[in-house]
Structures are given as structure tokens and as C-alpha cells.
Amino acid sequence: MSQMLQQFAATVPAHVEFTRLERDLAAHDASDTRPAPAIAPGAIVFRDVSFHYDRSSRAAAGIERLNVTIAPGTFLGVSGPTGAG
């Protein structure tokens, strides 16, 4: 029970801050704002992309000449060994 109370108590400052931000946002005069521009759907394309942490170390080779096209609406996850970046 004590751990649960500690976890709850840890969330209280964040909740207070969130409530304050909501109140400030509601009080803001939105007459000077404009809508965000529409984002047209399209592919994300990487062509011949390379990245190295340290060129002197083979272990830190990173990405070498990556070519990939990610279609609109596609979800992509990239993983590697722990600490790989």
C-alpha cells in the first residue's frame, strides 16, 4: 500500500502543472492564431545516407549508404543492440 501511495504522490505535481497549463490555454485569446497548414501525405525517402559515431572504430560504423522509402501510412521501428544509439 505504501508504494502505491508514493506512486500517486509522485503524479500530483504533474497533474497540478497540467491543470495550470489547461487553464492558461483556455484563457488565451485565440483571435490572433491561424490554423496549421495541411500536411500532404507522401513518402519519406532516404537516399545514400551514412552516419558514423567515430570513423576510427569499426565497432561504431553506424549507418552506411542507407537507401529506403517509407510509404505513407507505414509504421516503422528500428532497433539495434543496447547502446547503439
C-alpha atoms as a PDB file:
ATOM      1  CA  MET A   1       0.000   0.000   0.000  1.00  0.00           C
ATOM      2  CA  SER A   2       2.819   2.403   0.829  1.00  0.00           C
ATOM      3  CA  GLN A   3       4.380   2.017  -2.618  1.00  0.00           C
ATOM      4  CA  MET A   4       1.041   2.775  -4.275  1.00  0.00           C
ATOM      5  CA  LEU A   5       0.674   5.969  -2.219  1.00  0.00           C
ATOM      6  CA  GLN A   6       4.207   7.019  -3.118  1.00  0.00           C
ATOM      7  CA  GLN A   7       3.485   6.496  -6.814  1.00  0.00           C
ATOM      8  CA  PHE A   8       0.276   8.509  -6.531  1.00  0.00           C
ATOM      9  CA  ALA A   9       2.040  11.308  -4.651  1.00  0.00           C
ATOM     10  CA  ALA A  10       4.684  11.448  -7.398  1.00  0.00           C
ATOM     11  CA  THR A  11       1.988  12.176 -10.001  1.00  0.00           C
ATOM     12  CA  VAL A  12       0.395  15.082  -8.121  1.00  0.00           C
ATOM     13  CA  PRO A  13       2.912  17.798  -9.195  1.00  0.00           C
ATOM     14  CA  ALA A  14       2.497  16.815 -12.852  1.00  0.00           C
ATOM     15  CA  HIS A  15      -1.290  16.904 -12.531  1.00  0.00           C
ATOM     16  CA  VAL A  16      -1.167  20.357 -10.923  1.00  0.00           C
ATOM     17  CA  GLU A  17       1.061  21.654 -13.729  1.00  0.00           C
ATOM     18  CA  PHE A  18      -1.170  20.126 -16.415  1.00  0.00           C
ATOM     19  CA  THR A  19      -4.244  21.734 -14.841  1.00  0.00           C
ATOM     20  CA  ARG A  20      -2.479  25.124 -14.758  1.00  0.00           C
ATOM     21  CA  LEU A  21      -1.492  24.808 -18.421  1.00  0.00           C
ATOM     22  CA  GLU A  22      -5.074  23.906 -19.406  1.00  0.00           C
ATOM     23  CA  ARG A  23      -6.390  26.947 -17.536  1.00  0.00           C
ATOM     24  CA  ASP A  24      -3.812  29.254 -19.167  1.00  0.00           C
ATOM     25  CA  LEU A  25      -4.599  27.865 -22.606  1.00  0.00           C
ATOM     26  CA  ALA A  26      -8.350  28.337 -22.103  1.00  0.00           C
ATOM     27  CA  ALA A  27      -7.746  31.967 -21.077  1.00  0.00           C
ATOM     28  CA  HIS A  28      -5.556  32.670 -24.127  1.00  0.00           C
ATOM     29  CA  ASP A  29      -7.143  34.860 -26.793  1.00  0.00           C
ATOM     30  CA  ALA A  30      -7.129  32.711 -29.931  1.00  0.00           C
ATOM     31  CA  SER A  31      -8.175  35.534 -32.264  1.00  0.00           C
ATOM     32  CA  ASP A  32      -4.595  36.044 -33.463  1.00  0.00           C
ATOM     33  CA  THR A  33      -3.970  32.397 -34.318  1.00  0.00           C
ATOM     34  CA  ARG A  34      -4.338  30.703 -37.663  1.00  0.00           C
ATOM     35  CA  PRO A  35      -4.842  27.037 -38.485  1.00  0.00           C
ATOM     36  CA  ALA A  36      -1.802  24.887 -39.088  1.00  0.00           C
ATOM     37  CA  PRO A  37      -1.086  24.236 -42.754  1.00  0.00           C
ATOM     38  CA  ALA A  38      -2.265  20.905 -44.103  1.00  0.00           C
ATOM     39  CA  ILE A  39       0.410  18.282 -44.436  1.00  0.00           C
ATOM     40  CA  ALA A  40       0.161  16.448 -47.706  1.00  0.00           C
ATOM     41  CA  PRO A  41       0.670  12.704 -47.415  1.00  0.00           C
ATOM     42  CA  GLY A  42       3.829  11.490 -49.025  1.00  0.00           C
ATOM     43  CA  ALA A  43       6.666   9.040 -48.718  1.00  0.00           C
ATOM     44  CA  ILE A  44       9.718   9.562 -46.530  1.00  0.00           C
ATOM     45  CA  VAL A  45      12.799   8.900 -48.622  1.00  0.00           C
ATOM     46  CA  PHE A  46      16.416   8.450 -47.521  1.00  0.00           C
ATOM     47  CA  ARG A  47      18.985   8.249 -50.305  1.00  0.00           C
ATOM     48  CA  ASP A  48      22.611   7.288 -49.733  1.00  0.00           C
ATOM     49  CA  VAL A  49      22.549   8.279 -46.038  1.00  0.00           C
ATOM     50  CA  SER A  50      25.599   7.484 -43.904  1.00  0.00           C
ATOM     51  CA  PHE A  51      26.207   8.150 -40.223  1.00  0.00           C
ATOM     52  CA  HIS A  52      29.237   7.291 -38.086  1.00  0.00           C
ATOM     53  CA  TYR A  53      29.894   7.865 -34.406  1.00  0.00           C
ATOM     54  CA  ASP A  54      33.665   7.568 -34.841  1.00  0.00           C
ATOM     55  CA  ARG A  55      35.270   6.714 -38.184  1.00  0.00           C
ATOM     56  CA  SER A  56      38.375   5.301 -36.491  1.00  0.00           C
ATOM     57  CA  SER A  57      36.394   2.479 -34.856  1.00  0.00           C
ATOM     58  CA  ARG A  58      34.828  -0.332 -36.897  1.00  0.00           C
ATOM     59  CA  ALA A  59      32.502  -1.079 -33.944  1.00  0.00           C
ATOM     60  CA  ALA A  60      30.985   2.405 -34.290  1.00  0.00           C
ATOM     61  CA  ALA A  61      30.303   2.108 -38.031  1.00  0.00           C
ATOM     62  CA  GLY A  62      26.696   3.261 -37.729  1.00  0.00           C
ATOM     63  CA  ILE A  63      24.769   3.510 -40.998  1.00  0.00           C
ATOM     64  CA  GLU A  64      26.490   3.124 -44.335  1.00  0.00           C
ATOM     65  CA  ARG A  65      24.802   4.269 -47.578  1.00  0.00           C
ATOM     66  CA  LEU A  66      21.214   3.660 -46.445  1.00  0.00           C
ATOM     67  CA  ASN A  67      18.532   3.812 -49.142  1.00  0.00           C
ATOM     68  CA  VAL A  68      14.938   3.384 -48.016  1.00  0.00           C
ATOM     69  CA  THR A  69      11.483   4.643 -48.941  1.00  0.00           C
ATOM     70  CA  ILE A  70       8.771   4.579 -46.299  1.00  0.00           C
ATOM     71  CA  ALA A  71       5.291   4.617 -47.819  1.00  0.00           C
ATOM     72  CA  PRO A  72       2.587   6.922 -46.401  1.00  0.00           C
ATOM     73  CA  GLY A  73       0.703   5.326 -43.518  1.00  0.00           C
ATOM     74  CA  THR A  74       3.505   2.862 -42.788  1.00  0.00           C
ATOM     75  CA  PHE A  75       4.801   2.389 -39.246  1.00  0.00           C
ATOM     76  CA  LEU A  76       8.490   1.619 -38.983  1.00  0.00           C
ATOM     77  CA  GLY A  77      10.513   0.515 -35.989  1.00  0.00           C
ATOM     78  CA  VAL A  78      14.307   0.455 -35.975  1.00  0.00           C
ATOM     79  CA  SER A  79      16.194  -1.440 -33.329  1.00  0.00           C
ATOM     80  CA  GLY A  80      19.738  -2.387 -32.565  1.00  0.00           C
ATOM     81  CA  PRO A  81      21.916  -3.544 -29.712  1.00  0.00           C
ATOM     82  CA  THR A  82      21.663  -1.729 -26.403  1.00  0.00           C
ATOM     83  CA  GLY A  83      23.694   1.467 -26.523  1.00  0.00           C
ATOM     84  CA  ALA A  84      23.702   1.595 -30.328  1.00  0.00           C
ATOM     85  CA  GLY A  85      22.033   4.987 -30.299  1.00  0.00           C
END
